[in-house]
Amino acid sequence: MSDLSGGFAHAPEQAARAFRACLETLARPGQVQRLEGAAPPAPLSPAAGAVLLTLVDQAVRLHLAPSHDRPEIRDWIAFHCGAPLVAAEEADFALGSWEALQPVGRFAIGTPAYPDRAATLIVEMETLAPPNARLTGPGIARDAEARLPEIAAFADNRARFPLGFDCFFTSGDRVSGLPRSTKVEAL
């Protein structure tokens, strides 16, 4: 039997802080925020756990990439979030390492009438530094820098705007975000 502890100890306050941090990372691409309070089973990072606890519930379809599709993670998500687990093509959110989420072309990018029906990827990374990409666009005064798992996929994603997927990048207790509206170039 899995240990199902590891949710927010003080859910209202911690969820509100985590929600604000998630919003900040998408509103200000390149900015790294700290997410505290979640202690999910490995290899799920505390930051990814906090994103799940905050943004995923029984109405959100979640895909687990092979890197994170483990019984203890499935049980933790079922207990704390209640999210149905689905194939990549059906997902509202997807979780895994960048390599395990490939090919990203199978995730929903919305439609011209409903661009909001796109997937959000929670990409687990070893580190969010040092930066390897220059970011420009909405929410960025001049430019910002970020660590991305690759450059080309995010440049291609931006070219489809207003369609495309959005991303959270998590490592340890840190999170950064990259909305589809952000232009990405290699440093």
N, C-alpha and C. Protein backbone atom coordinates (compact mmCIF):
# COMPACT_ATOMS: atom_id res chain seq x y z
N MET A 1 0.84 -1.18 0.00
CA MET A 1 0.00 0.00 0.00
C MET A 1 0.88 1.24 0.00
N SER A 2 0.48 2.22 -0.76
CA SER A 2 1.24 3.47 -0.89
C SER A 2 1.02 4.38 0.30
N ASP A 3 2.04 5.18 0.61
CA ASP A 3 1.91 6.23 1.61
C ASP A 3 1.25 7.42 0.93
N LEU A 4 0.07 7.82 1.40
CA LEU A 4 -0.69 8.88 0.74
C LEU A 4 -0.54 10.23 1.43
N SER A 5 0.44 10.35 2.33
CA SER A 5 0.70 11.66 2.92
C SER A 5 1.38 12.53 1.87
N GLY A 6 1.70 13.74 2.24
CA GLY A 6 2.45 14.60 1.33
C GLY A 6 1.64 15.68 0.67
N GLY A 7 0.37 15.83 1.06
CA GLY A 7 -0.43 16.94 0.56
C GLY A 7 -0.15 18.19 1.37
N PHE A 8 -0.84 19.26 1.06
CA PHE A 8 -0.68 20.50 1.83
C PHE A 8 -1.17 20.29 3.26
N ALA A 9 -0.36 20.68 4.24
CA ALA A 9 -0.76 20.58 5.64
C ALA A 9 -1.77 21.67 5.99
N HIS A 10 -1.64 22.83 5.39
CA HIS A 10 -2.54 23.96 5.59
C HIS A 10 -3.06 24.37 4.21
N ALA A 11 -3.96 23.55 3.69
CA ALA A 11 -4.37 23.65 2.29
C ALA A 11 -4.82 25.04 1.84
N PRO A 12 -5.69 25.75 2.56
CA PRO A 12 -6.14 27.04 2.03
C PRO A 12 -5.00 28.03 1.80
N GLU A 13 -4.11 28.18 2.79
CA GLU A 13 -3.02 29.14 2.64
C GLU A 13 -1.98 28.66 1.64
N GLN A 14 -1.59 27.40 1.73
CA GLN A 14 -0.55 26.89 0.83
C GLN A 14 -1.03 26.83 -0.61
N ALA A 15 -2.27 26.44 -0.82
CA ALA A 15 -2.82 26.41 -2.19
C ALA A 15 -2.91 27.82 -2.76
N ALA A 16 -3.30 28.79 -1.94
CA ALA A 16 -3.39 30.17 -2.42
C ALA A 16 -2.01 30.70 -2.81
N ARG A 17 -1.00 30.42 -1.98
CA ARG A 17 0.37 30.86 -2.30
C ARG A 17 0.89 30.15 -3.56
N ALA A 18 0.61 28.86 -3.67
CA ALA A 18 1.06 28.11 -4.84
C ALA A 18 0.35 28.61 -6.10
N PHE A 19 -0.94 28.90 -6.00
CA PHE A 19 -1.69 29.41 -7.15
C PHE A 19 -1.09 30.73 -7.61
N ARG A 20 -0.81 31.60 -6.67
CA ARG A 20 -0.21 32.90 -7.00
C ARG A 20 1.16 32.72 -7.67
N ALA A 21 1.96 31.80 -7.14
CA ALA A 21 3.28 31.55 -7.73
C ALA A 21 3.15 31.00 -9.15
N CYS A 22 2.21 30.09 -9.37
CA CYS A 22 1.98 29.55 -10.72
C CYS A 22 1.57 30.66 -11.68
N LEU A 23 0.66 31.52 -11.24
CA LEU A 23 0.24 32.64 -12.09
C LEU A 23 1.41 33.56 -12.40
N GLU A 24 2.21 33.87 -11.40
CA GLU A 24 3.37 34.75 -11.60
C GLU A 24 4.34 34.18 -12.62
N THR A 25 4.57 32.87 -12.58
CA THR A 25 5.54 32.30 -13.52
C THR A 25 5.05 32.37 -14.96
N LEU A 26 3.75 32.29 -15.17
CA LEU A 26 3.23 32.41 -16.54
C LEU A 26 3.09 33.87 -16.95
N ALA A 27 2.80 34.74 -15.99
CA ALA A 27 2.66 36.17 -16.30
C ALA A 27 4.02 36.83 -16.52
N ARG A 28 5.06 36.28 -15.92
CA ARG A 28 6.41 36.82 -16.03
C ARG A 28 7.38 35.69 -16.39
N PRO A 29 7.35 35.27 -17.65
CA PRO A 29 8.22 34.16 -18.06
C PRO A 29 9.68 34.43 -17.71
N GLY A 30 10.36 33.39 -17.28
CA GLY A 30 11.75 33.50 -16.88
C GLY A 30 11.93 33.69 -15.39
N GLN A 31 10.88 34.09 -14.71
CA GLN A 31 10.95 34.28 -13.26
C GLN A 31 10.76 32.93 -12.57
N VAL A 32 11.61 32.63 -11.62
CA VAL A 32 11.52 31.38 -10.87
C VAL A 32 10.86 31.67 -9.52
N GLN A 33 9.90 30.84 -9.16
CA GLN A 33 9.20 30.97 -7.89
C GLN A 33 9.46 29.73 -7.04
N ARG A 34 9.31 29.88 -5.74
CA ARG A 34 9.45 28.75 -4.82
C ARG A 34 8.05 28.25 -4.46
N LEU A 35 7.87 26.94 -4.52
CA LEU A 35 6.61 26.30 -4.13
C LEU A 35 6.89 25.37 -2.96
N GLU A 36 6.21 25.61 -1.86
CA GLU A 36 6.43 24.81 -0.65
C GLU A 36 5.16 24.10 -0.23
N GLY A 37 5.33 23.09 0.58
CA GLY A 37 4.19 22.46 1.22
C GLY A 37 3.84 21.07 0.74
N ALA A 38 4.26 20.70 -0.45
CA ALA A 38 3.95 19.36 -0.96
C ALA A 38 5.15 18.44 -0.72
N ALA A 39 4.85 17.20 -0.39
CA ALA A 39 5.89 16.18 -0.22
C ALA A 39 5.43 14.91 -0.92
N PRO A 40 5.38 14.96 -2.25
CA PRO A 40 4.89 13.81 -3.01
C PRO A 40 5.93 12.70 -3.08
N PRO A 41 5.52 11.52 -3.54
CA PRO A 41 6.48 10.42 -3.69
C PRO A 41 7.47 10.70 -4.82
N ALA A 42 8.69 10.20 -4.65
CA ALA A 42 9.72 10.33 -5.70
C ALA A 42 9.28 9.51 -6.91
N PRO A 43 9.65 9.97 -8.09
CA PRO A 43 10.54 11.07 -8.43
C PRO A 43 9.82 12.41 -8.60
N LEU A 44 8.60 12.52 -8.16
CA LEU A 44 7.84 13.76 -8.28
C LEU A 44 8.45 14.82 -7.36
N SER A 45 8.82 15.96 -7.93
CA SER A 45 9.43 17.02 -7.13
C SER A 45 8.37 17.71 -6.27
N PRO A 46 8.80 18.34 -5.17
CA PRO A 46 7.85 19.10 -4.36
C PRO A 46 7.14 20.19 -5.17
N ALA A 47 7.85 20.85 -6.09
CA ALA A 47 7.22 21.89 -6.90
C ALA A 47 6.16 21.29 -7.82
N ALA A 48 6.46 20.19 -8.49
CA ALA A 48 5.46 19.55 -9.36
C ALA A 48 4.27 19.07 -8.53
N GLY A 49 4.54 18.54 -7.35
CA GLY A 49 3.45 18.14 -6.47
C GLY A 49 2.56 19.31 -6.10
N ALA A 50 3.16 20.46 -5.80
CA ALA A 50 2.38 21.65 -5.46
C ALA A 50 1.57 22.15 -6.65
N VAL A 51 2.14 22.09 -7.86
CA VAL A 51 1.38 22.48 -9.06
C VAL A 51 0.17 21.56 -9.21
N LEU A 52 0.37 20.26 -9.04
CA LEU A 52 -0.74 19.32 -9.15
C LEU A 52 -1.80 19.58 -8.09
N LEU A 53 -1.38 19.75 -6.84
CA LEU A 53 -2.33 20.00 -5.75
C LEU A 53 -3.14 21.27 -5.98
N THR A 54 -2.56 22.23 -6.68
CA THR A 54 -3.17 23.53 -6.88
C THR A 54 -4.04 23.60 -8.12
N LEU A 55 -3.61 22.99 -9.22
CA LEU A 55 -4.28 23.19 -10.50
C LEU A 55 -5.02 21.97 -11.05
N VAL A 56 -4.83 20.81 -10.45
CA VAL A 56 -5.42 19.58 -10.99
C VAL A 56 -6.42 19.02 -9.99
N ASP A 57 -7.62 18.70 -10.50
CA ASP A 57 -8.65 18.09 -9.67
C ASP A 57 -9.42 17.08 -10.52
N GLN A 58 -10.56 16.62 -10.02
CA GLN A 58 -11.32 15.58 -10.71
C GLN A 58 -11.86 16.01 -12.07
N ALA A 59 -11.88 17.29 -12.37
CA ALA A 59 -12.35 17.78 -13.68
C ALA A 59 -11.22 17.93 -14.69
N VAL A 60 -9.99 17.69 -14.27
CA VAL A 60 -8.81 17.88 -15.12
C VAL A 60 -8.24 16.52 -15.51
N ARG A 61 -8.12 16.29 -16.80
CA ARG A 61 -7.57 15.02 -17.30
C ARG A 61 -6.05 15.13 -17.33
N LEU A 62 -5.39 14.18 -16.68
CA LEU A 62 -3.94 14.21 -16.50
C LEU A 62 -3.28 13.02 -17.20
N HIS A 63 -2.20 13.32 -17.90
CA HIS A 63 -1.38 12.27 -18.51
C HIS A 63 -0.07 12.17 -17.74
N LEU A 64 0.30 10.95 -17.38
CA LEU A 64 1.60 10.71 -16.76
C LEU A 64 2.52 10.09 -17.80
N ALA A 65 3.62 10.77 -18.08
CA ALA A 65 4.63 10.22 -18.99
C ALA A 65 5.30 9.03 -18.30
N PRO A 66 5.93 8.14 -19.06
CA PRO A 66 6.55 6.96 -18.45
C PRO A 66 7.50 7.26 -17.30
N SER A 67 8.17 8.40 -17.32
CA SER A 67 9.09 8.75 -16.23
C SER A 67 8.39 8.90 -14.89
N HIS A 68 7.08 9.18 -14.92
CA HIS A 68 6.33 9.42 -13.69
C HIS A 68 5.11 8.52 -13.54
N ASP A 69 4.94 7.58 -14.42
CA ASP A 69 3.80 6.67 -14.34
C ASP A 69 4.15 5.49 -13.46
N ARG A 70 4.02 5.70 -12.16
CA ARG A 70 4.35 4.70 -11.15
C ARG A 70 3.17 4.54 -10.21
N PRO A 71 2.98 3.36 -9.64
CA PRO A 71 1.83 3.13 -8.76
C PRO A 71 1.74 4.14 -7.61
N GLU A 72 2.87 4.46 -6.98
CA GLU A 72 2.82 5.38 -5.83
C GLU A 72 2.41 6.79 -6.26
N ILE A 73 2.82 7.21 -7.46
CA ILE A 73 2.41 8.53 -7.96
C ILE A 73 0.94 8.50 -8.37
N ARG A 74 0.52 7.43 -9.04
CA ARG A 74 -0.90 7.29 -9.40
C ARG A 74 -1.79 7.34 -8.15
N ASP A 75 -1.39 6.60 -7.10
CA ASP A 75 -2.17 6.58 -5.86
C ASP A 75 -2.21 7.96 -5.21
N TRP A 76 -1.07 8.64 -5.18
CA TRP A 76 -0.99 9.97 -4.56
C TRP A 76 -1.90 10.94 -5.30
N ILE A 77 -1.86 10.92 -6.62
CA ILE A 77 -2.72 11.81 -7.43
C ILE A 77 -4.19 11.46 -7.22
N ALA A 78 -4.52 10.18 -7.22
CA ALA A 78 -5.91 9.77 -7.02
C ALA A 78 -6.42 10.26 -5.67
N PHE A 79 -5.60 10.13 -4.63
CA PHE A 79 -6.02 10.53 -3.28
C PHE A 79 -6.11 12.04 -3.12
N HIS A 80 -5.09 12.77 -3.57
CA HIS A 80 -5.02 14.21 -3.33
C HIS A 80 -5.72 15.07 -4.38
N CYS A 81 -5.78 14.59 -5.62
CA CYS A 81 -6.32 15.41 -6.71
C CYS A 81 -7.59 14.82 -7.32
N GLY A 82 -7.68 13.51 -7.36
CA GLY A 82 -8.84 12.86 -7.96
C GLY A 82 -8.87 12.95 -9.47
N ALA A 83 -7.77 13.32 -10.09
CA ALA A 83 -7.74 13.53 -11.54
C ALA A 83 -7.78 12.20 -12.29
N PRO A 84 -8.59 12.13 -13.34
CA PRO A 84 -8.56 10.93 -14.18
C PRO A 84 -7.27 10.91 -15.00
N LEU A 85 -6.66 9.75 -15.11
CA LEU A 85 -5.44 9.59 -15.89
C LEU A 85 -5.82 9.14 -17.30
N VAL A 86 -5.25 9.82 -18.30
CA VAL A 86 -5.65 9.61 -19.69
C VAL A 86 -4.43 9.53 -20.60
N ALA A 87 -4.68 9.18 -21.85
CA ALA A 87 -3.63 9.19 -22.88
C ALA A 87 -3.22 10.63 -23.18
N ALA A 88 -2.05 10.79 -23.73
CA ALA A 88 -1.50 12.13 -24.01
C ALA A 88 -2.45 12.97 -24.86
N GLU A 89 -3.07 12.38 -25.86
CA GLU A 89 -3.93 13.11 -26.78
C GLU A 89 -5.18 13.68 -26.11
N GLU A 90 -5.56 13.14 -24.97
CA GLU A 90 -6.77 13.56 -24.26
C GLU A 90 -6.48 14.48 -23.08
N ALA A 91 -5.22 14.74 -22.80
CA ALA A 91 -4.82 15.40 -21.56
C ALA A 91 -5.04 16.91 -21.56
N ASP A 92 -5.50 17.40 -20.40
CA ASP A 92 -5.51 18.84 -20.12
C ASP A 92 -4.16 19.24 -19.54
N PHE A 93 -3.58 18.37 -18.72
CA PHE A 93 -2.26 18.54 -18.14
C PHE A 93 -1.47 17.26 -18.38
N ALA A 94 -0.16 17.40 -18.49
CA ALA A 94 0.73 16.25 -18.63
C ALA A 94 1.94 16.47 -17.74
N LEU A 95 2.45 15.38 -17.17
CA LEU A 95 3.55 15.45 -16.23
C LEU A 95 4.64 14.46 -16.62
N GLY A 96 5.88 14.92 -16.62
CA GLY A 96 6.99 14.02 -16.86
C GLY A 96 8.26 14.78 -17.20
N SER A 97 9.32 14.03 -17.41
CA SER A 97 10.55 14.65 -17.91
C SER A 97 10.32 15.03 -19.37
N TRP A 98 11.11 15.95 -19.88
CA TRP A 98 10.96 16.40 -21.27
C TRP A 98 11.11 15.21 -22.23
N GLU A 99 12.10 14.39 -21.99
CA GLU A 99 12.32 13.23 -22.87
C GLU A 99 11.12 12.30 -22.85
N ALA A 100 10.55 12.06 -21.68
CA ALA A 100 9.42 11.13 -21.56
C ALA A 100 8.13 11.70 -22.13
N LEU A 101 8.02 13.02 -22.24
CA LEU A 101 6.82 13.64 -22.79
C LEU A 101 6.82 13.64 -24.32
N GLN A 102 7.92 13.25 -24.94
CA GLN A 102 8.02 13.26 -26.40
C GLN A 102 7.14 12.17 -27.03
N PRO A 103 6.62 12.39 -28.21
CA PRO A 103 6.63 13.63 -28.97
C PRO A 103 5.56 14.60 -28.45
N VAL A 104 5.92 15.86 -28.31
CA VAL A 104 4.97 16.83 -27.77
C VAL A 104 3.87 17.18 -28.76
N GLY A 105 4.03 16.81 -30.01
CA GLY A 105 3.00 17.07 -31.02
C GLY A 105 1.71 16.32 -30.77
N ARG A 106 1.70 15.36 -29.87
CA ARG A 106 0.47 14.62 -29.58
C ARG A 106 -0.41 15.32 -28.55
N PHE A 107 0.09 16.37 -27.90
CA PHE A 107 -0.71 17.09 -26.92
C PHE A 107 -1.59 18.13 -27.59
N ALA A 108 -2.74 18.38 -27.00
CA ALA A 108 -3.69 19.36 -27.56
C ALA A 108 -3.08 20.75 -27.59
N ILE A 109 -3.32 21.46 -28.69
CA ILE A 109 -2.85 22.85 -28.82
C ILE A 109 -4.01 23.82 -28.95
N GLY A 110 -5.24 23.34 -28.71
CA GLY A 110 -6.42 24.18 -28.86
C GLY A 110 -6.86 24.24 -30.31
N THR A 111 -7.89 25.02 -30.55
CA THR A 111 -8.40 25.23 -31.90
C THR A 111 -8.53 26.73 -32.11
N PRO A 112 -8.66 27.20 -33.36
CA PRO A 112 -8.83 28.64 -33.57
C PRO A 112 -10.02 29.21 -32.79
N ALA A 113 -11.09 28.45 -32.68
CA ALA A 113 -12.26 28.92 -31.92
C ALA A 113 -12.07 28.80 -30.42
N TYR A 114 -11.27 27.82 -29.98
CA TYR A 114 -11.06 27.56 -28.55
C TYR A 114 -9.58 27.32 -28.26
N PRO A 115 -8.74 28.35 -28.35
CA PRO A 115 -7.31 28.14 -28.09
C PRO A 115 -7.02 27.75 -26.64
N ASP A 116 -7.97 27.99 -25.74
CA ASP A 116 -7.79 27.64 -24.34
C ASP A 116 -7.88 26.13 -24.09
N ARG A 117 -8.27 25.38 -25.07
CA ARG A 117 -8.39 23.93 -24.92
C ARG A 117 -7.07 23.23 -25.25
N ALA A 118 -6.00 23.84 -24.84
CA ALA A 118 -4.66 23.30 -25.06
C ALA A 118 -4.15 22.64 -23.78
N ALA A 119 -3.21 21.76 -23.93
CA ALA A 119 -2.60 21.10 -22.78
C ALA A 119 -1.59 22.01 -22.10
N THR A 120 -1.40 21.77 -20.82
CA THR A 120 -0.34 22.40 -20.04
C THR A 120 0.61 21.29 -19.62
N LEU A 121 1.88 21.46 -19.92
CA LEU A 121 2.88 20.45 -19.59
C LEU A 121 3.62 20.85 -18.31
N ILE A 122 3.74 19.91 -17.39
CA ILE A 122 4.56 20.08 -16.19
C ILE A 122 5.82 19.28 -16.45
N VAL A 123 6.90 19.98 -16.74
CA VAL A 123 8.14 19.35 -17.16
C VAL A 123 9.12 19.32 -15.99
N GLU A 124 9.44 18.12 -15.53
CA GLU A 124 10.39 17.95 -14.45
C GLU A 124 11.81 18.04 -15.01
N MET A 125 12.63 18.89 -14.38
CA MET A 125 14.01 19.09 -14.84
C MET A 125 14.98 18.91 -13.69
N GLU A 126 16.22 18.60 -14.02
CA GLU A 126 17.27 18.47 -13.00
C GLU A 126 17.52 19.81 -12.32
N THR A 127 17.53 20.88 -13.11
CA THR A 127 17.81 22.21 -12.59
C THR A 127 17.13 23.26 -13.47
N LEU A 128 16.89 24.42 -12.92
CA LEU A 128 16.33 25.54 -13.68
C LEU A 128 17.40 26.58 -14.00
N ALA A 129 18.66 26.22 -13.82
CA ALA A 129 19.79 27.11 -14.11
C ALA A 129 20.92 26.26 -14.66
N PRO A 130 21.88 26.83 -15.36
CA PRO A 130 21.95 28.20 -15.83
C PRO A 130 21.05 28.40 -17.04
N PRO A 131 20.73 29.65 -17.36
CA PRO A 131 19.85 29.90 -18.51
C PRO A 131 20.51 29.52 -19.83
N ASN A 132 19.69 29.08 -20.76
CA ASN A 132 20.18 28.77 -22.11
C ASN A 132 19.29 29.41 -23.18
N ALA A 133 18.28 30.19 -22.74
CA ALA A 133 17.34 30.78 -23.69
C ALA A 133 17.03 32.23 -23.32
N ARG A 134 16.85 33.04 -24.35
CA ARG A 134 16.40 34.43 -24.18
C ARG A 134 14.90 34.44 -24.48
N LEU A 135 14.14 35.08 -23.61
CA LEU A 135 12.69 35.14 -23.74
C LEU A 135 12.26 36.58 -23.97
N THR A 136 11.33 36.78 -24.89
CA THR A 136 10.72 38.09 -25.11
C THR A 136 9.23 37.88 -25.34
N GLY A 137 8.46 38.92 -25.06
CA GLY A 137 7.02 38.84 -25.28
C GLY A 137 6.24 39.39 -24.11
N PRO A 138 4.94 39.09 -24.07
CA PRO A 138 4.08 39.61 -23.00
C PRO A 138 4.61 39.25 -21.61
N GLY A 139 4.59 40.24 -20.71
CA GLY A 139 5.03 40.04 -19.34
C GLY A 139 6.52 40.22 -19.13
N ILE A 140 7.25 40.54 -20.20
CA ILE A 140 8.70 40.70 -20.12
C ILE A 140 9.04 42.10 -20.60
N ALA A 141 9.61 42.92 -19.72
CA ALA A 141 9.89 44.32 -20.06
C ALA A 141 10.82 44.44 -21.27
N ARG A 142 11.96 43.83 -21.24
CA ARG A 142 12.91 43.85 -22.37
C ARG A 142 13.16 42.43 -22.84
N ASP A 143 13.86 41.70 -22.01
CA ASP A 143 14.03 40.27 -22.25
C ASP A 143 14.32 39.60 -20.92
N ALA A 144 14.17 38.30 -20.90
CA ALA A 144 14.44 37.50 -19.72
C ALA A 144 15.21 36.28 -20.17
N GLU A 145 15.76 35.56 -19.22
CA GLU A 145 16.50 34.35 -19.53
C GLU A 145 15.91 33.20 -18.74
N ALA A 146 16.00 32.00 -19.31
CA ALA A 146 15.47 30.81 -18.64
C ALA A 146 16.23 29.58 -19.09
N ARG A 147 16.14 28.55 -18.30
CA ARG A 147 16.68 27.24 -18.66
C ARG A 147 15.54 26.43 -19.26
N LEU A 148 15.70 25.99 -20.50
CA LEU A 148 14.71 25.17 -21.18
C LEU A 148 15.34 23.83 -21.57
N PRO A 149 14.55 22.77 -21.65
CA PRO A 149 15.11 21.48 -22.04
C PRO A 149 15.55 21.43 -23.49
N GLU A 150 15.00 22.30 -24.33
CA GLU A 150 15.44 22.48 -25.71
C GLU A 150 14.88 23.80 -26.20
N ILE A 151 15.39 24.32 -27.28
CA ILE A 151 14.96 25.62 -27.79
C ILE A 151 13.96 25.47 -28.94
N ALA A 152 14.26 24.61 -29.89
CA ALA A 152 13.48 24.51 -31.13
C ALA A 152 12.00 24.22 -30.88
N ALA A 153 11.69 23.31 -29.98
CA ALA A 153 10.28 22.96 -29.75
C ALA A 153 9.48 24.15 -29.24
N PHE A 154 10.11 25.00 -28.43
CA PHE A 154 9.39 26.15 -27.88
C PHE A 154 9.31 27.29 -28.88
N ALA A 155 10.30 27.40 -29.75
CA ALA A 155 10.21 28.37 -30.85
C ALA A 155 9.09 27.95 -31.80
N ASP A 156 9.02 26.66 -32.11
CA ASP A 156 7.94 26.15 -32.97
C ASP A 156 6.57 26.34 -32.31
N ASN A 157 6.51 26.12 -31.01
CA ASN A 157 5.25 26.29 -30.28
C ASN A 157 4.78 27.73 -30.37
N ARG A 158 5.70 28.69 -30.23
CA ARG A 158 5.36 30.12 -30.32
C ARG A 158 4.85 30.48 -31.71
N ALA A 159 5.37 29.84 -32.74
CA ALA A 159 4.97 30.14 -34.11
C ALA A 159 3.51 29.78 -34.37
N ARG A 160 2.93 28.92 -33.55
CA ARG A 160 1.52 28.53 -33.71
C ARG A 160 0.56 29.45 -32.96
N PHE A 161 1.08 30.38 -32.18
CA PHE A 161 0.25 31.23 -31.33
C PHE A 161 -0.88 31.86 -32.15
N PRO A 162 -2.13 31.86 -31.66
CA PRO A 162 -2.60 31.64 -30.30
C PRO A 162 -2.78 30.18 -29.91
N LEU A 163 -2.49 29.26 -30.82
CA LEU A 163 -2.52 27.84 -30.47
C LEU A 163 -1.19 27.48 -29.82
N GLY A 164 -1.14 26.31 -29.22
CA GLY A 164 0.10 25.84 -28.61
C GLY A 164 -0.12 25.44 -27.17
N PHE A 165 0.87 24.77 -26.60
CA PHE A 165 0.79 24.35 -25.21
C PHE A 165 1.54 25.34 -24.32
N ASP A 166 1.19 25.34 -23.04
CA ASP A 166 1.87 26.14 -22.03
C ASP A 166 2.67 25.19 -21.15
N CYS A 167 3.69 25.69 -20.48
CA CYS A 167 4.57 24.83 -19.68
C CYS A 167 4.88 25.40 -18.32
N PHE A 168 4.97 24.50 -17.36
CA PHE A 168 5.62 24.76 -16.08
C PHE A 168 6.86 23.88 -16.06
N PHE A 169 7.98 24.44 -15.61
CA PHE A 169 9.21 23.68 -15.44
C PHE A 169 9.48 23.60 -13.94
N THR A 170 9.67 22.39 -13.44
CA THR A 170 9.85 22.20 -12.00
C THR A 170 11.16 21.50 -11.70
N SER A 171 11.75 21.89 -10.59
CA SER A 171 12.98 21.27 -10.11
C SER A 171 13.06 21.52 -8.61
N GLY A 172 13.08 20.46 -7.84
CA GLY A 172 13.09 20.63 -6.39
C GLY A 172 11.85 21.39 -5.96
N ASP A 173 12.05 22.50 -5.23
CA ASP A 173 10.90 23.32 -4.80
C ASP A 173 10.75 24.58 -5.66
N ARG A 174 11.29 24.56 -6.87
CA ARG A 174 11.25 25.73 -7.76
C ARG A 174 10.41 25.45 -8.99
N VAL A 175 9.78 26.52 -9.49
CA VAL A 175 8.96 26.43 -10.69
C VAL A 175 9.18 27.67 -11.54
N SER A 176 9.18 27.48 -12.84
CA SER A 176 9.15 28.59 -13.79
C SER A 176 8.10 28.25 -14.83
N GLY A 177 7.67 29.25 -15.57
CA GLY A 177 6.62 29.01 -16.56
C GLY A 177 6.96 29.58 -17.91
N LEU A 178 6.36 29.00 -18.94
CA LEU A 178 6.55 29.48 -20.30
C LEU A 178 5.22 29.37 -21.04
N PRO A 179 4.51 30.50 -21.18
CA PRO A 179 3.28 30.46 -21.97
C PRO A 179 3.61 30.40 -23.46
N ARG A 180 2.65 29.96 -24.23
CA ARG A 180 2.85 29.82 -25.69
C ARG A 180 3.10 31.14 -26.38
N SER A 181 2.79 32.27 -25.74
CA SER A 181 2.95 33.60 -26.35
C SER A 181 4.39 34.10 -26.29
N THR A 182 5.27 33.40 -25.62
CA THR A 182 6.65 33.84 -25.42
C THR A 182 7.56 33.42 -26.56
N LYS A 183 8.31 34.39 -27.08
CA LYS A 183 9.29 34.10 -28.12
C LYS A 183 10.57 33.59 -27.45
N VAL A 184 11.13 32.53 -28.01
CA VAL A 184 12.29 31.86 -27.44
C VAL A 184 13.43 31.85 -28.45
N GLU A 185 14.63 32.24 -27.99
CA GLU A 185 15.85 32.17 -28.81
C GLU A 185 16.97 31.61 -27.95
N ALA A 186 17.91 30.95 -28.58
CA ALA A 186 19.08 30.44 -27.86
C ALA A 186 19.96 31.60 -27.42
N LEU A 187 20.57 31.47 -26.26
CA LEU A 187 21.53 32.48 -25.78
C LEU A 187 22.83 32.36 -26.54
